[in-house]
Amino acid sequence: MDNMIEYMNKHYSDKYIFRYSTPSDYIDAIKNQNISWPTKYDDMMPYSGNPTQFWTGYFTSRANSKDYTRRASSNYHASSLLYTEKVLDQSASSSQI
């Protein structure tokens, strides 16, 4: 990382300054820009079930468990559809006899 910072500063220091930083340095730099941020009115997290309960981390917590649940649900619905089609095929063929 040091070599990359040194290279970038050597070749692009007329436009940019590359250095190690911290999140607070980043926030301070953004704050110094005096940007007027738009207000977001559409759908956004965190969701709220009522005024005192929020669904924080809904999309980020237990990502592996959610993926497993999603895949299992998909497999269940696919197998349910195949079973239903098989039952319908059998009942159609037995009614023709």
PDB file of N, CA and C in Angstrom:
ATOM      1  N   MET A   1       0.824  -1.175   0.000  1.00  0.00           N
ATOM      2  CA  MET A   1       0.000   0.000   0.000  1.00  0.00           C
ATOM      3  C   MET A   1       0.880   1.255   0.000  1.00  0.00           C
ATOM      4  N   ASP A   2       1.954   1.204   0.753  1.00  0.00           N
ATOM      5  CA  ASP A   2       2.859   2.365   0.796  1.00  0.00           C
ATOM      6  C   ASP A   2       3.435   2.679  -0.581  1.00  0.00           C
ATOM      7  N   ASN A   3       3.807   1.625  -1.315  1.00  0.00           N
ATOM      8  CA  ASN A   3       4.366   1.829  -2.658  1.00  0.00           C
ATOM      9  C   ASN A   3       3.341   2.456  -3.591  1.00  0.00           C
ATOM     10  N   MET A   4       2.082   2.017  -3.485  1.00  0.00           N
ATOM     11  CA  MET A   4       1.046   2.574  -4.339  1.00  0.00           C
ATOM     12  C   MET A   4       0.799   4.048  -3.996  1.00  0.00           C
ATOM     13  N   ILE A   5       0.727   4.377  -2.725  1.00  0.00           N
ATOM     14  CA  ILE A   5       0.514   5.767  -2.306  1.00  0.00           C
ATOM     15  C   ILE A   5       1.657   6.641  -2.801  1.00  0.00           C
ATOM     16  N   GLU A   6       2.868   6.147  -2.654  1.00  0.00           N
ATOM     17  CA  GLU A   6       4.045   6.902  -3.114  1.00  0.00           C
ATOM     18  C   GLU A   6       3.988   7.123  -4.630  1.00  0.00           C
ATOM     19  N   TYR A   7       3.663   6.075  -5.378  1.00  0.00           N
ATOM     20  CA  TYR A   7       3.576   6.185  -6.838  1.00  0.00           C
ATOM     21  C   TYR A   7       2.501   7.181  -7.250  1.00  0.00           C
ATOM     22  N   MET A   8       1.323   7.064  -6.657  1.00  0.00           N
ATOM     23  CA  MET A   8       0.205   7.941  -7.027  1.00  0.00           C
ATOM     24  C   MET A   8       0.521   9.393  -6.689  1.00  0.00           C
ATOM     25  N   ASN A   9       1.106   9.632  -5.536  1.00  0.00           N
ATOM     26  CA  ASN A   9       1.462  11.007  -5.171  1.00  0.00           C
ATOM     27  C   ASN A   9       2.544  11.569  -6.087  1.00  0.00           C
ATOM     28  N   LYS A  10       3.444  10.714  -6.530  1.00  0.00           N
ATOM     29  CA  LYS A  10       4.511  11.158  -7.426  1.00  0.00           C
ATOM     30  C   LYS A  10       3.959  11.545  -8.797  1.00  0.00           C
ATOM     31  N   HIS A  11       2.961  10.790  -9.291  1.00  0.00           N
ATOM     32  CA  HIS A  11       2.454  11.007 -10.643  1.00  0.00           C
ATOM     33  C   HIS A  11       1.166  11.834 -10.734  1.00  0.00           C
ATOM     34  N   TYR A  12       0.421  11.926  -9.661  1.00  0.00           N
ATOM     35  CA  TYR A  12      -0.882  12.598  -9.723  1.00  0.00           C
ATOM     36  C   TYR A  12      -1.088  13.633  -8.616  1.00  0.00           C
ATOM     37  N   SER A  13      -0.017  14.101  -8.030  1.00  0.00           N
ATOM     38  CA  SER A  13      -0.150  15.046  -6.914  1.00  0.00           C
ATOM     39  C   SER A  13      -0.681  16.413  -7.352  1.00  0.00           C
ATOM     40  N   ASP A  14      -0.681  16.687  -8.654  1.00  0.00           N
ATOM     41  CA  ASP A  14      -1.247  17.956  -9.117  1.00  0.00           C
ATOM     42  C   ASP A  14      -2.771  17.979  -8.969  1.00  0.00           C
ATOM     43  N   LYS A  15      -3.409  16.784  -8.960  1.00  0.00           N
ATOM     44  CA  LYS A  15      -4.867  16.708  -8.829  1.00  0.00           C
ATOM     45  C   LYS A  15      -5.314  16.116  -7.493  1.00  0.00           C
ATOM     46  N   TYR A  16      -4.550  15.167  -6.980  1.00  0.00           N
ATOM     47  CA  TYR A  16      -4.978  14.403  -5.805  1.00  0.00           C
ATOM     48  C   TYR A  16      -3.851  14.285  -4.804  1.00  0.00           C
ATOM     49  N   ILE A  17      -4.253  14.024  -3.554  1.00  0.00           N
ATOM     50  CA  ILE A  17      -3.293  13.704  -2.502  1.00  0.00           C
ATOM     51  C   ILE A  17      -3.712  12.352  -1.934  1.00  0.00           C
ATOM     52  N   PHE A  18      -2.841  11.377  -2.047  1.00  0.00           N
ATOM     53  CA  PHE A  18      -3.125  10.046  -1.531  1.00  0.00           C
ATOM     54  C   PHE A  18      -2.423   9.881  -0.198  1.00  0.00           C
ATOM     55  N   ARG A  19      -3.189   9.384   0.801  1.00  0.00           N
ATOM     56  CA  ARG A  19      -2.628   9.188   2.136  1.00  0.00           C
ATOM     57  C   ARG A  19      -3.505   8.228   2.918  1.00  0.00           C
ATOM     58  N   TYR A  20      -2.967   7.730   4.018  1.00  0.00           N
ATOM     59  CA  TYR A  20      -3.775   6.934   4.932  1.00  0.00           C
ATOM     60  C   TYR A  20      -4.729   7.882   5.640  1.00  0.00           C
ATOM     61  N   SER A  21      -5.906   7.385   5.951  1.00  0.00           N
ATOM     62  CA  SER A  21      -6.900   8.244   6.575  1.00  0.00           C
ATOM     63  C   SER A  21      -7.718   7.448   7.581  1.00  0.00           C
ATOM     64  N   THR A  22      -8.642   8.136   8.216  1.00  0.00           N
ATOM     65  CA  THR A  22      -9.563   7.511   9.167  1.00  0.00           C
ATOM     66  C   THR A  22     -10.985   7.899   8.782  1.00  0.00           C
ATOM     67  N   PRO A  23     -11.973   7.175   9.268  1.00  0.00           N
ATOM     68  CA  PRO A  23     -13.358   7.569   8.975  1.00  0.00           C
ATOM     69  C   PRO A  23     -13.677   9.004   9.423  1.00  0.00           C
ATOM     70  N   SER A  24     -13.131   9.428  10.550  1.00  0.00           N
ATOM     71  CA  SER A  24     -13.417  10.796  11.011  1.00  0.00           C
ATOM     72  C   SER A  24     -12.792  11.832  10.074  1.00  0.00           C
ATOM     73  N   ASP A  25     -11.604  11.542   9.495  1.00  0.00           N
ATOM     74  CA  ASP A  25     -11.014  12.448   8.505  1.00  0.00           C
ATOM     75  C   ASP A  25     -11.925  12.570   7.284  1.00  0.00           C
ATOM     76  N   TYR A  26     -12.487  11.441   6.855  1.00  0.00           N
ATOM     77  CA  TYR A  26     -13.386  11.436   5.701  1.00  0.00           C
ATOM     78  C   TYR A  26     -14.635  12.268   5.995  1.00  0.00           C
ATOM     79  N   ILE A  27     -15.236  12.061   7.144  1.00  0.00           N
ATOM     80  CA  ILE A  27     -16.444  12.806   7.520  1.00  0.00           C
ATOM     81  C   ILE A  27     -16.143  14.298   7.611  1.00  0.00           C
ATOM     82  N   ASP A  28     -15.009  14.648   8.185  1.00  0.00           N
ATOM     83  CA  ASP A  28     -14.624  16.063   8.271  1.00  0.00           C
ATOM     84  C   ASP A  28     -14.447  16.677   6.878  1.00  0.00           C
ATOM     85  N   ALA A  29     -13.829  15.924   5.962  1.00  0.00           N
ATOM     86  CA  ALA A  29     -13.628  16.428   4.600  1.00  0.00           C
ATOM     87  C   ALA A  29     -14.966  16.632   3.894  1.00  0.00           C
ATOM     88  N   ILE A  30     -15.888  15.717   4.077  1.00  0.00           N
ATOM     89  CA  ILE A  30     -17.219  15.866   3.482  1.00  0.00           C
ATOM     90  C   ILE A  30     -17.935  17.063   4.095  1.00  0.00           C
ATOM     91  N   LYS A  31     -17.817  17.199   5.394  1.00  0.00           N
ATOM     92  CA  LYS A  31     -18.473  18.321   6.090  1.00  0.00           C
ATOM     93  C   LYS A  31     -17.936  19.660   5.593  1.00  0.00           C
ATOM     94  N   ASN A  32     -16.644  19.729   5.329  1.00  0.00           N
ATOM     95  CA  ASN A  32     -16.020  20.971   4.854  1.00  0.00           C
ATOM     96  C   ASN A  32     -16.468  21.367   3.444  1.00  0.00           C
ATOM     97  N   GLN A  33     -17.079  20.436   2.717  1.00  0.00           N
ATOM     98  CA  GLN A  33     -17.566  20.722   1.362  1.00  0.00           C
ATOM     99  C   GLN A  33     -18.857  21.540   1.374  1.00  0.00           C
ATOM    100  N   ASN A  34     -19.513  21.647   2.531  1.00  0.00           N
ATOM    101  CA  ASN A  34     -20.790  22.368   2.672  1.00  0.00           C
ATOM    102  C   ASN A  34     -21.825  21.906   1.638  1.00  0.00           C
ATOM    103  N   ILE A  35     -21.972  20.616   1.535  1.00  0.00           N
ATOM    104  CA  ILE A  35     -22.914  20.035   0.580  1.00  0.00           C
ATOM    105  C   ILE A  35     -24.309  20.047   1.192  1.00  0.00           C
ATOM    106  N   SER A  36     -25.279  20.416   0.402  1.00  0.00           N
ATOM    107  CA  SER A  36     -26.673  20.361   0.819  1.00  0.00           C
ATOM    108  C   SER A  36     -27.240  19.024   0.352  1.00  0.00           C
ATOM    109  N   TRP A  37     -27.482  18.119   1.277  1.00  0.00           N
ATOM    110  CA  TRP A  37     -27.947  16.785   0.937  1.00  0.00           C
ATOM    111  C   TRP A  37     -29.455  16.782   0.743  1.00  0.00           C
ATOM    112  N   PRO A  38     -29.955  16.077  -0.273  1.00  0.00           N
ATOM    113  CA  PRO A  38     -31.407  16.010  -0.492  1.00  0.00           C
ATOM    114  C   PRO A  38     -32.072  15.151   0.586  1.00  0.00           C
ATOM    115  N   THR A  39     -33.322  15.407   0.841  1.00  0.00           N
ATOM    116  CA  THR A  39     -34.093  14.598   1.777  1.00  0.00           C
ATOM    117  C   THR A  39     -34.693  13.422   1.025  1.00  0.00           C
ATOM    118  N   LYS A  40     -34.522  12.242   1.567  1.00  0.00           N
ATOM    119  CA  LYS A  40     -35.032  11.024   0.929  1.00  0.00           C
ATOM    120  C   LYS A  40     -36.385  10.699   1.544  1.00  0.00           C
ATOM    121  N   TYR A  41     -37.410  10.593   0.693  1.00  0.00           N
ATOM    122  CA  TYR A  41     -38.757  10.321   1.177  1.00  0.00           C
ATOM    123  C   TYR A  41     -39.254   8.922   0.843  1.00  0.00           C
ATOM    124  N   ASP A  42     -38.603   8.246  -0.084  1.00  0.00           N
ATOM    125  CA  ASP A  42     -39.086   6.920  -0.444  1.00  0.00           C
ATOM    126  C   ASP A  42     -38.564   5.874   0.525  1.00  0.00           C
ATOM    127  N   ASP A  43     -38.713   4.634   0.177  1.00  0.00           N
ATOM    128  CA  ASP A  43     -38.392   3.514   1.030  1.00  0.00           C
ATOM    129  C   ASP A  43     -36.930   3.497   1.458  1.00  0.00           C
ATOM    130  N   MET A  44     -36.670   3.347   2.745  1.00  0.00           N
ATOM    131  CA  MET A  44     -35.308   3.262   3.254  1.00  0.00           C
ATOM    132  C   MET A  44     -35.285   2.576   4.608  1.00  0.00           C
ATOM    133  N   MET A  45     -34.135   2.054   4.987  1.00  0.00           N
ATOM    134  CA  MET A  45     -33.978   1.386   6.279  1.00  0.00           C
ATOM    135  C   MET A  45     -33.615   2.423   7.325  1.00  0.00           C
ATOM    136  N   PRO A  46     -33.841   2.193   8.605  1.00  0.00           N
ATOM    137  CA  PRO A  46     -34.462   0.992   9.149  1.00  0.00           C
ATOM    138  C   PRO A  46     -35.975   1.050   9.094  1.00  0.00           C
ATOM    139  N   TYR A  47     -36.576  -0.112   8.889  1.00  0.00           N
ATOM    140  CA  TYR A  47     -38.028  -0.194   8.926  1.00  0.00           C
ATOM    141  C   TYR A  47     -38.490  -0.153  10.369  1.00  0.00           C
ATOM    142  N   SER A  48     -39.726   0.217  10.577  1.00  0.00           N
ATOM    143  CA  SER A  48     -40.276   0.289  11.924  1.00  0.00           C
ATOM    144  C   SER A  48     -41.606  -0.441  11.960  1.00  0.00           C
ATOM    145  N   GLY A  49     -41.751  -1.352  12.922  1.00  0.00           N
ATOM    146  CA  GLY A  49     -43.020  -2.043  13.111  1.00  0.00           C
ATOM    147  C   GLY A  49     -43.991  -1.191  13.910  1.00  0.00           C
ATOM    148  N   ASN A  50     -43.468  -0.410  14.815  1.00  0.00           N
ATOM    149  CA  ASN A  50     -44.246   0.559  15.581  1.00  0.00           C
ATOM    150  C   ASN A  50     -43.275   1.629  16.065  1.00  0.00           C
ATOM    151  N   PRO A  51     -43.743   2.682  16.707  1.00  0.00           N
ATOM    152  CA  PRO A  51     -42.851   3.796  17.044  1.00  0.00           C
ATOM    153  C   PRO A  51     -41.634   3.461  17.919  1.00  0.00           C
ATOM    154  N   THR A  52     -41.654   2.303  18.597  1.00  0.00           N
ATOM    155  CA  THR A  52     -40.522   1.984  19.476  1.00  0.00           C
ATOM    156  C   THR A  52     -39.729   0.761  19.045  1.00  0.00           C
ATOM    157  N   GLN A  53     -40.051   0.161  17.899  1.00  0.00           N
ATOM    158  CA  GLN A  53     -39.323  -1.026  17.449  1.00  0.00           C
ATOM    159  C   GLN A  53     -38.867  -0.848  16.012  1.00  0.00           C
ATOM    160  N   PHE A  54     -37.573  -1.136  15.755  1.00  0.00           N
ATOM    161  CA  PHE A  54     -36.996  -0.963  14.426  1.00  0.00           C
ATOM    162  C   PHE A  54     -36.309  -2.241  13.982  1.00  0.00           C
ATOM    163  N   TRP A  55     -36.297  -2.486  12.682  1.00  0.00           N
ATOM    164  CA  TRP A  55     -35.676  -3.669  12.105  1.00  0.00           C
ATOM    165  C   TRP A  55     -34.243  -3.366  11.695  1.00  0.00           C
ATOM    166  N   THR A  56     -33.413  -2.979  12.597  1.00  0.00           N
ATOM    167  CA  THR A  56     -32.035  -2.640  12.233  1.00  0.00           C
ATOM    168  C   THR A  56     -31.275  -3.897  11.833  1.00  0.00           C
ATOM    169  N   GLY A  57     -30.417  -3.786  10.837  1.00  0.00           N
ATOM    170  CA  GLY A  57     -29.623  -4.917  10.374  1.00  0.00           C
ATOM    171  C   GLY A  57     -30.409  -5.942   9.593  1.00  0.00           C
ATOM    172  N   TYR A  58     -31.604  -5.593   9.139  1.00  0.00           N
ATOM    173  CA  TYR A  58     -32.477  -6.555   8.459  1.00  0.00           C
ATOM    174  C   TYR A  58     -31.796  -7.201   7.263  1.00  0.00           C
ATOM    175  N   PHE A  59     -31.067  -6.436   6.457  1.00  0.00           N
ATOM    176  CA  PHE A  59     -30.433  -6.988   5.261  1.00  0.00           C
ATOM    177  C   PHE A  59     -28.994  -7.437   5.498  1.00  0.00           C
ATOM    178  N   THR A  60     -28.388  -7.054   6.609  1.00  0.00           N
ATOM    179  CA  THR A  60     -26.977  -7.344   6.792  1.00  0.00           C
ATOM    180  C   THR A  60     -26.692  -8.408   7.830  1.00  0.00           C
ATOM    181  N   SER A  61     -27.559  -8.602   8.808  1.00  0.00           N
ATOM    182  CA  SER A  61     -27.268  -9.579   9.848  1.00  0.00           C
ATOM    183  C   SER A  61     -27.623 -10.980   9.380  1.00  0.00           C
ATOM    184  N   ARG A  62     -26.824 -11.929   9.756  1.00  0.00           N
ATOM    185  CA  ARG A  62     -27.029 -13.346   9.445  1.00  0.00           C
ATOM    186  C   ARG A  62     -27.250 -13.593   7.948  1.00  0.00           C
ATOM    187  N   ALA A  63     -26.394 -13.019   7.148  1.00  0.00           N
ATOM    188  CA  ALA A  63     -26.548 -13.142   5.692  1.00  0.00           C
ATOM    189  C   ALA A  63     -26.522 -14.600   5.235  1.00  0.00           C
ATOM    190  N   ASN A  64     -25.651 -15.418   5.835  1.00  0.00           N
ATOM    191  CA  ASN A  64     -25.584 -16.828   5.431  1.00  0.00           C
ATOM    192  C   ASN A  64     -26.868 -17.565   5.757  1.00  0.00           C
ATOM    193  N   SER A  65     -27.442 -17.285   6.910  1.00  0.00           N
ATOM    194  CA  SER A  65     -28.704 -17.934   7.284  1.00  0.00           C
ATOM    195  C   SER A  65     -29.816 -17.515   6.340  1.00  0.00           C
ATOM    196  N   LYS A  66     -29.835 -16.254   5.971  1.00  0.00           N
ATOM    197  CA  LYS A  66     -30.879 -15.773   5.066  1.00  0.00           C
ATOM    198  C   LYS A  66     -30.729 -16.394   3.684  1.00  0.00           C
ATOM    199  N   ASP A  67     -29.481 -16.556   3.222  1.00  0.00           N
ATOM    200  CA  ASP A  67     -29.253 -17.190   1.930  1.00  0.00           C
ATOM    201  C   ASP A  67     -29.703 -18.652   1.975  1.00  0.00           C
ATOM    202  N   TYR A  68     -29.366 -19.342   3.070  1.00  0.00           N
ATOM    203  CA  TYR A  68     -29.776 -20.737   3.224  1.00  0.00           C
ATOM    204  C   TYR A  68     -31.298 -20.847   3.225  1.00  0.00           C
ATOM    205  N   THR A  69     -31.971 -19.959   3.940  1.00  0.00           N
ATOM    206  CA  THR A  69     -33.430 -19.966   3.997  1.00  0.00           C
ATOM    207  C   THR A  69     -34.022 -19.691   2.621  1.00  0.00           C
ATOM    208  N   ARG A  70     -33.452 -18.736   1.901  1.00  0.00           N
ATOM    209  CA  ARG A  70     -33.932 -18.408   0.565  1.00  0.00           C
ATOM    210  C   ARG A  70     -33.809 -19.607  -0.373  1.00  0.00           C
ATOM    211  N   ARG A  71     -32.649 -20.272  -0.325  1.00  0.00           N
ATOM    212  CA  ARG A  71     -32.432 -21.434  -1.198  1.00  0.00           C
ATOM    213  C   ARG A  71     -33.351 -22.596  -0.816  1.00  0.00           C
ATOM    214  N   ALA A  72     -33.500 -22.831   0.483  1.00  0.00           N
ATOM    215  CA  ALA A  72     -34.371 -23.914   0.942  1.00  0.00           C
ATOM    216  C   ALA A  72     -35.811 -23.634   0.540  1.00  0.00           C
ATOM    217  N   SER A  73     -36.235 -22.400   0.671  1.00  0.00           N
ATOM    218  CA  SER A  73     -37.590 -22.025   0.279  1.00  0.00           C
ATOM    219  C   SER A  73     -37.789 -22.235  -1.221  1.00  0.00           C
ATOM    220  N   SER A  74     -36.805 -21.863  -2.004  1.00  0.00           N
ATOM    221  CA  SER A  74     -36.882 -22.053  -3.453  1.00  0.00           C
ATOM    222  C   SER A  74     -36.982 -23.534  -3.801  1.00  0.00           C
ATOM    223  N   ASN A  75     -36.159 -24.355  -3.157  1.00  0.00           N
ATOM    224  CA  ASN A  75     -36.215 -25.804  -3.397  1.00  0.00           C
ATOM    225  C   ASN A  75     -37.550 -26.386  -2.967  1.00  0.00           C
ATOM    226  N   TYR A  76     -38.072 -25.930  -1.838  1.00  0.00           N
ATOM    227  CA  TYR A  76     -39.368 -26.422  -1.356  1.00  0.00           C
ATOM    228  C   TYR A  76     -40.471 -26.096  -2.362  1.00  0.00           C
ATOM    229  N   HIS A  77     -40.500 -24.867  -2.839  1.00  0.00           N
ATOM    230  CA  HIS A  77     -41.541 -24.477  -3.783  1.00  0.00           C
ATOM    231  C   HIS A  77     -41.409 -25.227  -5.107  1.00  0.00           C
ATOM    232  N   ALA A  78     -40.183 -25.445  -5.564  1.00  0.00           N
ATOM    233  CA  ALA A  78     -39.972 -26.193  -6.806  1.00  0.00           C
ATOM    234  C   ALA A  78     -40.429 -27.639  -6.638  1.00  0.00           C
ATOM    235  N   SER A  79     -40.073 -28.269  -5.516  1.00  0.00           N
ATOM    236  CA  SER A  79     -40.484 -29.662  -5.304  1.00  0.00           C
ATOM    237  C   SER A  79     -41.993 -29.764  -5.109  1.00  0.00           C
ATOM    238  N   SER A  80     -42.578 -28.778  -4.464  1.00  0.00           N
ATOM    239  CA  SER A  80     -44.028 -28.754  -4.291  1.00  0.00           C
ATOM    240  C   SER A  80     -44.726 -28.671  -5.651  1.00  0.00           C
ATOM    241  N   LEU A  81     -44.191 -27.859  -6.538  1.00  0.00           N
ATOM    242  CA  LEU A  81     -44.753 -27.737  -7.883  1.00  0.00           C
ATOM    243  C   LEU A  81     -44.632 -29.059  -8.646  1.00  0.00           C
ATOM    244  N   LEU A  82     -43.467 -29.700  -8.568  1.00  0.00           N
ATOM    245  CA  LEU A  82     -43.274 -30.988  -9.249  1.00  0.00           C
ATOM    246  C   LEU A  82     -44.220 -32.051  -8.685  1.00  0.00           C
ATOM    247  N   TYR A  83     -44.388 -32.077  -7.378  1.00  0.00           N
ATOM    248  CA  TYR A  83     -45.298 -33.038  -6.753  1.00  0.00           C
ATOM    249  C   TYR A  83     -46.726 -32.794  -7.229  1.00  0.00           C
ATOM    250  N   THR A  84     -47.144 -31.542  -7.254  1.00  0.00           N
ATOM    251  CA  THR A  84     -48.498 -31.199  -7.701  1.00  0.00           C
ATOM    252  C   THR A  84     -48.709 -31.624  -9.149  1.00  0.00           C
ATOM    253  N   GLU A  85     -47.719 -31.372 -10.003  1.00  0.00           N
ATOM    254  CA  GLU A  85     -47.841 -31.777 -11.401  1.00  0.00           C
ATOM    255  C   GLU A  85     -47.947 -33.298 -11.522  1.00  0.00           C
ATOM    256  N   LYS A  86     -47.181 -34.020 -10.724  1.00  0.00           N
ATOM    257  CA  LYS A  86     -47.217 -35.490 -10.757  1.00  0.00           C
ATOM    258  C   LYS A  86     -48.581 -35.995 -10.318  1.00  0.00           C
ATOM    259  N   VAL A  87     -49.116 -35.423  -9.241  1.00  0.00           N
ATOM    260  CA  VAL A  87     -50.437 -35.827  -8.754  1.00  0.00           C
ATOM    261  C   VAL A  87     -51.497 -35.548  -9.809  1.00  0.00           C
ATOM    262  N   LEU A  88     -51.440 -34.392 -10.446  1.00  0.00           N
ATOM    263  CA  LEU A  88     -52.404 -34.050 -11.483  1.00  0.00           C
ATOM    264  C   LEU A  88     -52.279 -34.976 -12.687  1.00  0.00           C
ATOM    265  N   ASP A  89     -51.037 -35.317 -13.063  1.00  0.00           N
ATOM    266  CA  ASP A  89     -50.835 -36.252 -14.181  1.00  0.00           C
ATOM    267  C   ASP A  89     -51.427 -37.621 -13.868  1.00  0.00           C
ATOM    268  N   GLN A  90     -51.227 -38.112 -12.628  1.00  0.00           N
ATOM    269  CA  GLN A  90     -51.754 -39.417 -12.253  1.00  0.00           C
ATOM    270  C   GLN A  90     -53.273 -39.412 -12.214  1.00  0.00           C
ATOM    271  N   SER A  91     -53.851 -38.322 -11.676  1.00  0.00           N
ATOM    272  CA  SER A  91     -55.310 -38.284 -11.605  1.00  0.00           C
ATOM    273  C   SER A  91     -55.913 -38.144 -13.010  1.00  0.00           C
ATOM    274  N   ALA A  92     -55.236 -37.457 -13.900  1.00  0.00           N
ATOM    275  CA  ALA A  92     -55.737 -37.318 -15.272  1.00  0.00           C
ATOM    276  C   ALA A  92     -55.668 -38.656 -16.012  1.00  0.00           C
ATOM    277  N   SER A  93     -54.587 -39.400 -15.802  1.00  0.00           N
ATOM    278  CA  SER A  93     -54.449 -40.690 -16.504  1.00  0.00           C
ATOM    279  C   SER A  93     -55.385 -41.728 -15.916  1.00  0.00           C
ATOM    280  N   SER A  94     -55.657 -41.693 -14.616  1.00  0.00           N
ATOM    281  CA  SER A  94     -56.567 -42.673 -14.015  1.00  0.00           C
ATOM    282  C   SER A  94     -58.018 -42.376 -14.357  1.00  0.00           C
ATOM    283  N   SER A  95     -58.347 -41.130 -14.604  1.00  0.00           N
ATOM    284  CA  SER A  95     -59.735 -40.780 -14.963  1.00  0.00           C
ATOM    285  C   SER A  95     -60.041 -41.163 -16.412  1.00  0.00           C
ATOM    286  N   GLN A  96     -59.013 -41.349 -17.219  1.00  0.00           N
ATOM    287  CA  GLN A  96     -59.212 -41.714 -18.613  1.00  0.00           C
ATOM    288  C   GLN A  96     -59.435 -43.213 -18.781  1.00  0.00           C
ATOM    289  N   ILE A  97     -59.133 -43.980 -17.768  1.00  0.00           N
ATOM    290  CA  ILE A  97     -59.250 -45.444 -17.858  1.00  0.00           C
ATOM    291  C   ILE A  97     -60.680 -45.867 -17.796  1.00  0.00           C
TER     292      ILE A  97
END
